[in-house]
Amino acid sequence: MPCSSCSTNTTGRAAKANSAGRSPSTRYAYGASGDRARALAELADLNKTSLRGSVTPFNLALVSLGLGDHARAVSYLEQAHASDSQWLGWLKGDRIFDPLRSEPRFAALMRKLRFDG
C-alpha cells in the first residue's frame, strides 16, 4: 500500500530538487507502509548522496528500519555512534525504534550510550 502521507511529486526537476529535502521520517514511512519499491529507490538515492558525504548514518538507519532490515539499521546506528551523532538521543524514547529493542547489537549500543537503565 503506497504511503498516502508521503509526497507524491515524483516528476522532473521538482523531484530532483526535493530529493535531498525529504525527511528521513518520510523515507521511513515508504517502507513501513509497504511501498518497498519507493523505499528502496529512496535508499539508493541516499546512498548516492552519502558518497558525497552529506547523509548521516542515522538517516540511513531510519530508511533501513522502515524496510524491515533490522541488521542494516543497527549497523548504521553503530556507525552513527562511531561518528558521535547527536541524533542517537532519540533511540531511548522514540517508539519507531521498538522493532530493534530485541536485537542484541541494538541492546549493546543502548548500553554503550547508557540508555539501558
N, C-alpha and C. Protein backbone atom coordinates (compact mmCIF):
# COMPACT_ATOMS: atom_id res chain seq x y z
N MET A 1 0.84 -1.17 0.00
CA MET A 1 0.00 0.00 0.00
C MET A 1 0.89 1.24 0.00
N PRO A 2 0.75 2.11 -0.99
CA PRO A 2 1.55 3.32 -1.03
C PRO A 2 1.26 4.22 0.17
N CYS A 3 2.23 4.99 0.52
CA CYS A 3 2.11 5.89 1.67
C CYS A 3 1.30 7.11 1.27
N SER A 4 0.09 7.26 1.84
CA SER A 4 -0.78 8.37 1.47
C SER A 4 -0.30 9.71 2.01
N SER A 5 0.53 9.68 3.05
CA SER A 5 1.00 10.95 3.63
C SER A 5 2.34 11.38 3.06
N CYS A 6 2.92 10.55 2.17
CA CYS A 6 4.22 10.86 1.59
C CYS A 6 4.04 11.74 0.37
N SER A 7 5.03 12.55 0.08
CA SER A 7 5.00 13.43 -1.07
C SER A 7 4.82 12.63 -2.34
N THR A 8 3.96 13.12 -3.25
CA THR A 8 3.74 12.41 -4.50
C THR A 8 4.40 13.11 -5.67
N ASN A 9 5.16 14.13 -5.44
CA ASN A 9 5.83 14.84 -6.51
C ASN A 9 7.05 14.04 -6.96
N THR A 10 6.90 13.32 -8.07
CA THR A 10 7.97 12.42 -8.50
C THR A 10 8.42 12.68 -9.93
N THR A 11 8.09 13.82 -10.48
CA THR A 11 8.45 14.06 -11.86
C THR A 11 9.40 15.23 -12.01
N GLY A 12 10.26 15.11 -12.99
CA GLY A 12 11.09 16.21 -13.44
C GLY A 12 11.99 16.84 -12.41
N ARG A 13 12.27 18.11 -12.67
CA ARG A 13 13.22 18.88 -11.87
C ARG A 13 12.79 19.01 -10.42
N ALA A 14 11.49 19.12 -10.18
CA ALA A 14 11.00 19.28 -8.80
C ALA A 14 11.35 18.07 -7.95
N ALA A 15 11.23 16.88 -8.51
CA ALA A 15 11.57 15.67 -7.75
C ALA A 15 13.04 15.66 -7.39
N LYS A 16 13.87 16.08 -8.33
CA LYS A 16 15.30 16.12 -8.06
C LYS A 16 15.61 17.13 -6.96
N ALA A 17 14.97 18.27 -7.01
CA ALA A 17 15.20 19.30 -6.01
C ALA A 17 14.72 18.83 -4.64
N ASN A 18 13.59 18.11 -4.61
CA ASN A 18 13.04 17.65 -3.34
C ASN A 18 13.76 16.45 -2.78
N SER A 19 14.53 15.76 -3.59
CA SER A 19 15.18 14.52 -3.16
C SER A 19 15.98 14.71 -1.88
N ALA A 20 16.81 15.72 -1.83
CA ALA A 20 17.64 15.94 -0.65
C ALA A 20 16.83 16.51 0.50
N GLY A 21 15.68 17.13 0.21
CA GLY A 21 14.89 17.78 1.23
C GLY A 21 13.90 16.88 1.94
N ARG A 22 13.66 15.68 1.42
CA ARG A 22 12.71 14.79 2.09
C ARG A 22 13.28 14.35 3.43
N SER A 23 12.43 14.29 4.40
CA SER A 23 12.89 13.92 5.74
C SER A 23 13.13 12.41 5.83
N PRO A 24 14.02 12.01 6.72
CA PRO A 24 14.22 10.58 6.95
C PRO A 24 12.93 9.90 7.40
N SER A 25 12.08 10.61 8.12
CA SER A 25 10.81 10.02 8.56
C SER A 25 9.91 9.70 7.38
N THR A 26 9.90 10.57 6.39
CA THR A 26 9.11 10.30 5.18
C THR A 26 9.66 9.09 4.47
N ARG A 27 10.96 9.00 4.38
CA ARG A 27 11.59 7.86 3.71
C ARG A 27 11.33 6.58 4.50
N TYR A 28 11.33 6.66 5.82
CA TYR A 28 10.97 5.52 6.66
C TYR A 28 9.54 5.09 6.35
N ALA A 29 8.65 6.06 6.23
CA ALA A 29 7.22 5.77 6.02
C ALA A 29 6.98 4.99 4.74
N TYR A 30 7.75 5.25 3.69
CA TYR A 30 7.58 4.48 2.46
C TYR A 30 7.73 2.99 2.74
N GLY A 31 8.77 2.62 3.43
CA GLY A 31 9.00 1.21 3.72
C GLY A 31 7.99 0.65 4.71
N ALA A 32 7.72 1.41 5.76
CA ALA A 32 6.80 0.93 6.80
C ALA A 32 5.38 0.77 6.27
N SER A 33 5.02 1.53 5.25
CA SER A 33 3.67 1.44 4.69
C SER A 33 3.56 0.36 3.63
N GLY A 34 4.68 -0.29 3.32
CA GLY A 34 4.64 -1.37 2.33
C GLY A 34 5.07 -0.94 0.94
N ASP A 35 5.40 0.32 0.75
CA ASP A 35 5.86 0.79 -0.57
C ASP A 35 7.35 0.51 -0.68
N ARG A 36 7.68 -0.77 -0.75
CA ARG A 36 9.07 -1.23 -0.74
C ARG A 36 9.87 -0.66 -1.92
N ALA A 37 9.27 -0.63 -3.09
CA ALA A 37 9.99 -0.13 -4.27
C ALA A 37 10.39 1.32 -4.08
N ARG A 38 9.48 2.13 -3.57
CA ARG A 38 9.77 3.55 -3.34
C ARG A 38 10.84 3.72 -2.27
N ALA A 39 10.71 2.92 -1.18
CA ALA A 39 11.69 3.00 -0.09
C ALA A 39 13.08 2.59 -0.58
N LEU A 40 13.15 1.55 -1.40
CA LEU A 40 14.45 1.13 -1.94
C LEU A 40 15.03 2.19 -2.86
N ALA A 41 14.18 2.84 -3.64
CA ALA A 41 14.65 3.93 -4.50
C ALA A 41 15.18 5.08 -3.66
N GLU A 42 14.48 5.39 -2.57
CA GLU A 42 14.93 6.46 -1.67
C GLU A 42 16.26 6.09 -1.02
N LEU A 43 16.40 4.82 -0.63
CA LEU A 43 17.65 4.37 -0.02
C LEU A 43 18.79 4.47 -1.02
N ALA A 44 18.54 4.09 -2.27
CA ALA A 44 19.58 4.21 -3.30
C ALA A 44 19.96 5.67 -3.50
N ASP A 45 18.96 6.55 -3.48
CA ASP A 45 19.22 7.99 -3.61
C ASP A 45 20.07 8.50 -2.44
N LEU A 46 19.73 8.06 -1.23
CA LEU A 46 20.51 8.46 -0.05
C LEU A 46 21.94 7.94 -0.14
N ASN A 47 22.09 6.70 -0.58
CA ASN A 47 23.43 6.13 -0.70
C ASN A 47 24.28 6.90 -1.71
N LYS A 48 23.66 7.34 -2.82
CA LYS A 48 24.41 8.16 -3.79
C LYS A 48 24.84 9.47 -3.16
N THR A 49 23.91 10.09 -2.44
CA THR A 49 24.22 11.35 -1.76
C THR A 49 25.27 11.12 -0.70
N SER A 50 25.18 9.98 -0.01
CA SER A 50 26.12 9.65 1.06
C SER A 50 27.56 9.56 0.55
N LEU A 51 27.73 9.11 -0.67
CA LEU A 51 29.07 9.02 -1.24
C LEU A 51 29.73 10.39 -1.31
N ARG A 52 28.91 11.43 -1.34
CA ARG A 52 29.43 12.80 -1.33
C ARG A 52 29.55 13.32 0.09
N GLY A 53 29.21 12.48 1.07
CA GLY A 53 29.41 12.83 2.47
C GLY A 53 28.34 13.67 3.12
N SER A 54 27.12 13.70 2.57
CA SER A 54 26.13 14.60 3.14
C SER A 54 24.94 13.89 3.80
N VAL A 55 24.95 12.57 3.89
CA VAL A 55 23.86 11.86 4.54
C VAL A 55 24.40 11.15 5.78
N THR A 56 23.72 11.33 6.89
CA THR A 56 24.20 10.72 8.12
C THR A 56 23.80 9.26 8.20
N PRO A 57 24.61 8.45 8.87
CA PRO A 57 24.23 7.05 9.08
C PRO A 57 22.89 6.91 9.80
N PHE A 58 22.57 7.85 10.67
CA PHE A 58 21.29 7.80 11.38
C PHE A 58 20.13 7.84 10.39
N ASN A 59 20.21 8.71 9.39
CA ASN A 59 19.14 8.80 8.40
C ASN A 59 19.04 7.52 7.58
N LEU A 60 20.19 6.94 7.24
CA LEU A 60 20.19 5.67 6.52
C LEU A 60 19.58 4.57 7.39
N ALA A 61 19.80 4.64 8.69
CA ALA A 61 19.23 3.66 9.61
C ALA A 61 17.71 3.74 9.61
N LEU A 62 17.16 4.94 9.57
CA LEU A 62 15.70 5.09 9.57
C LEU A 62 15.08 4.45 8.34
N VAL A 63 15.68 4.67 7.17
CA VAL A 63 15.13 4.09 5.96
C VAL A 63 15.24 2.57 6.01
N SER A 64 16.37 2.06 6.47
CA SER A 64 16.56 0.61 6.60
C SER A 64 15.55 0.02 7.57
N LEU A 65 15.29 0.72 8.65
CA LEU A 65 14.30 0.27 9.63
C LEU A 65 12.92 0.20 9.00
N GLY A 66 12.57 1.21 8.22
CA GLY A 66 11.28 1.21 7.54
C GLY A 66 11.13 0.04 6.59
N LEU A 67 12.23 -0.37 6.00
CA LEU A 67 12.22 -1.52 5.10
C LEU A 67 12.20 -2.85 5.84
N GLY A 68 12.36 -2.79 7.17
CA GLY A 68 12.38 -4.02 7.94
C GLY A 68 13.74 -4.69 7.99
N ASP A 69 14.76 -4.00 7.51
CA ASP A 69 16.12 -4.54 7.52
C ASP A 69 16.80 -4.15 8.83
N HIS A 70 16.50 -4.89 9.87
CA HIS A 70 16.97 -4.55 11.22
C HIS A 70 18.48 -4.61 11.34
N ALA A 71 19.09 -5.61 10.73
CA ALA A 71 20.55 -5.75 10.83
C ALA A 71 21.25 -4.53 10.22
N ARG A 72 20.77 -4.11 9.07
CA ARG A 72 21.38 -2.94 8.41
C ARG A 72 21.10 -1.68 9.21
N ALA A 73 19.90 -1.56 9.76
CA ALA A 73 19.57 -0.39 10.57
C ALA A 73 20.51 -0.28 11.77
N VAL A 74 20.75 -1.40 12.44
CA VAL A 74 21.64 -1.39 13.60
C VAL A 74 23.06 -1.06 13.16
N SER A 75 23.49 -1.59 12.02
CA SER A 75 24.84 -1.27 11.52
C SER A 75 24.99 0.23 11.31
N TYR A 76 23.98 0.85 10.71
CA TYR A 76 24.04 2.30 10.51
C TYR A 76 24.02 3.05 11.84
N LEU A 77 23.25 2.55 12.81
CA LEU A 77 23.24 3.20 14.12
C LEU A 77 24.59 3.06 14.81
N GLU A 78 25.25 1.94 14.63
CA GLU A 78 26.60 1.78 15.18
C GLU A 78 27.57 2.76 14.51
N GLN A 79 27.40 2.97 13.21
CA GLN A 79 28.23 3.96 12.51
C GLN A 79 27.93 5.36 13.04
N ALA A 80 26.67 5.63 13.30
CA ALA A 80 26.29 6.94 13.86
C ALA A 80 26.94 7.14 15.23
N HIS A 81 26.98 6.08 16.02
CA HIS A 81 27.64 6.16 17.32
C HIS A 81 29.13 6.44 17.16
N ALA A 82 29.76 5.76 16.22
CA ALA A 82 31.19 5.95 15.99
C ALA A 82 31.51 7.38 15.54
N SER A 83 30.54 8.03 14.90
CA SER A 83 30.76 9.41 14.45
C SER A 83 30.16 10.44 15.41
N ASP A 84 29.81 9.99 16.62
CA ASP A 84 29.27 10.88 17.66
C ASP A 84 28.02 11.64 17.20
N SER A 85 27.12 10.93 16.56
CA SER A 85 25.89 11.56 16.07
C SER A 85 25.05 12.09 17.21
N GLN A 86 24.57 13.30 17.06
CA GLN A 86 23.69 13.92 18.06
C GLN A 86 22.29 13.31 18.02
N TRP A 87 21.96 12.61 16.94
CA TRP A 87 20.63 12.05 16.77
C TRP A 87 20.38 10.80 17.61
N LEU A 88 21.42 10.21 18.16
CA LEU A 88 21.25 8.97 18.92
C LEU A 88 20.43 9.15 20.19
N GLY A 89 20.26 10.36 20.63
CA GLY A 89 19.41 10.61 21.79
C GLY A 89 17.97 10.16 21.58
N TRP A 90 17.55 10.04 20.34
CA TRP A 90 16.20 9.59 20.03
C TRP A 90 16.00 8.10 20.27
N LEU A 91 17.08 7.35 20.35
CA LEU A 91 16.96 5.89 20.46
C LEU A 91 16.23 5.45 21.72
N LYS A 92 16.41 6.17 22.80
CA LYS A 92 15.86 5.74 24.07
C LYS A 92 14.34 5.81 24.10
N GLY A 93 13.76 6.88 23.62
CA GLY A 93 12.33 7.07 23.81
C GLY A 93 11.46 6.99 22.58
N ASP A 94 12.02 7.08 21.40
CA ASP A 94 11.20 7.09 20.19
C ASP A 94 10.74 5.67 19.86
N ARG A 95 9.44 5.49 19.79
CA ARG A 95 8.86 4.16 19.54
C ARG A 95 9.17 3.61 18.16
N ILE A 96 9.63 4.45 17.27
CA ILE A 96 9.98 3.98 15.93
C ILE A 96 11.08 2.92 16.01
N PHE A 97 11.88 2.97 17.08
CA PHE A 97 12.98 2.02 17.24
C PHE A 97 12.57 0.75 18.00
N ASP A 98 11.32 0.63 18.40
CA ASP A 98 10.87 -0.54 19.15
C ASP A 98 11.17 -1.87 18.45
N PRO A 99 11.05 -1.97 17.13
CA PRO A 99 11.37 -3.26 16.50
C PRO A 99 12.82 -3.70 16.70
N LEU A 100 13.69 -2.78 17.06
CA LEU A 100 15.11 -3.11 17.25
C LEU A 100 15.45 -3.50 18.69
N ARG A 101 14.57 -3.23 19.60
CA ARG A 101 14.91 -3.38 21.02
C ARG A 101 15.27 -4.81 21.41
N SER A 102 14.79 -5.81 20.68
CA SER A 102 15.13 -7.20 21.00
C SER A 102 16.40 -7.66 20.29
N GLU A 103 16.97 -6.82 19.45
CA GLU A 103 18.20 -7.16 18.73
C GLU A 103 19.40 -7.01 19.68
N PRO A 104 20.23 -8.05 19.81
CA PRO A 104 21.38 -7.98 20.74
C PRO A 104 22.33 -6.82 20.43
N ARG A 105 22.58 -6.54 19.17
CA ARG A 105 23.51 -5.44 18.84
C ARG A 105 22.90 -4.10 19.21
N PHE A 106 21.59 -3.96 19.06
CA PHE A 106 20.93 -2.73 19.46
C PHE A 106 21.00 -2.57 20.98
N ALA A 107 20.76 -3.67 21.69
CA ALA A 107 20.85 -3.63 23.16
C ALA A 107 22.26 -3.24 23.61
N ALA A 108 23.26 -3.76 22.92
CA ALA A 108 24.65 -3.42 23.25
C ALA A 108 24.90 -1.93 22.99
N LEU A 109 24.35 -1.42 21.89
CA LEU A 109 24.51 0.01 21.59
C LEU A 109 23.82 0.85 22.66
N MET A 110 22.66 0.43 23.10
CA MET A 110 21.96 1.16 24.16
C MET A 110 22.79 1.18 25.45
N ARG A 111 23.46 0.07 25.74
CA ARG A 111 24.33 0.05 26.94
C ARG A 111 25.51 1.00 26.75
N LYS A 112 26.10 1.03 25.57
CA LYS A 112 27.21 1.97 25.30
C LYS A 112 26.77 3.41 25.52
N LEU A 113 25.54 3.68 25.12
CA LEU A 113 25.00 5.03 25.24
C LEU A 113 24.46 5.31 26.65
N ARG A 114 24.49 4.28 27.49
CA ARG A 114 23.96 4.35 28.85
C ARG A 114 22.47 4.64 28.88
N PHE A 115 21.77 4.04 27.90
CA PHE A 115 20.32 4.17 27.81
C PHE A 115 19.62 2.91 28.31
N ASP A 116 20.34 2.01 28.94
CA ASP A 116 19.77 0.73 29.33
C ASP A 116 19.07 0.76 30.68
N GLY A 117 19.09 1.85 31.36
CA GLY A 117 18.53 1.91 32.71
C GLY A 117 17.14 2.40 32.80
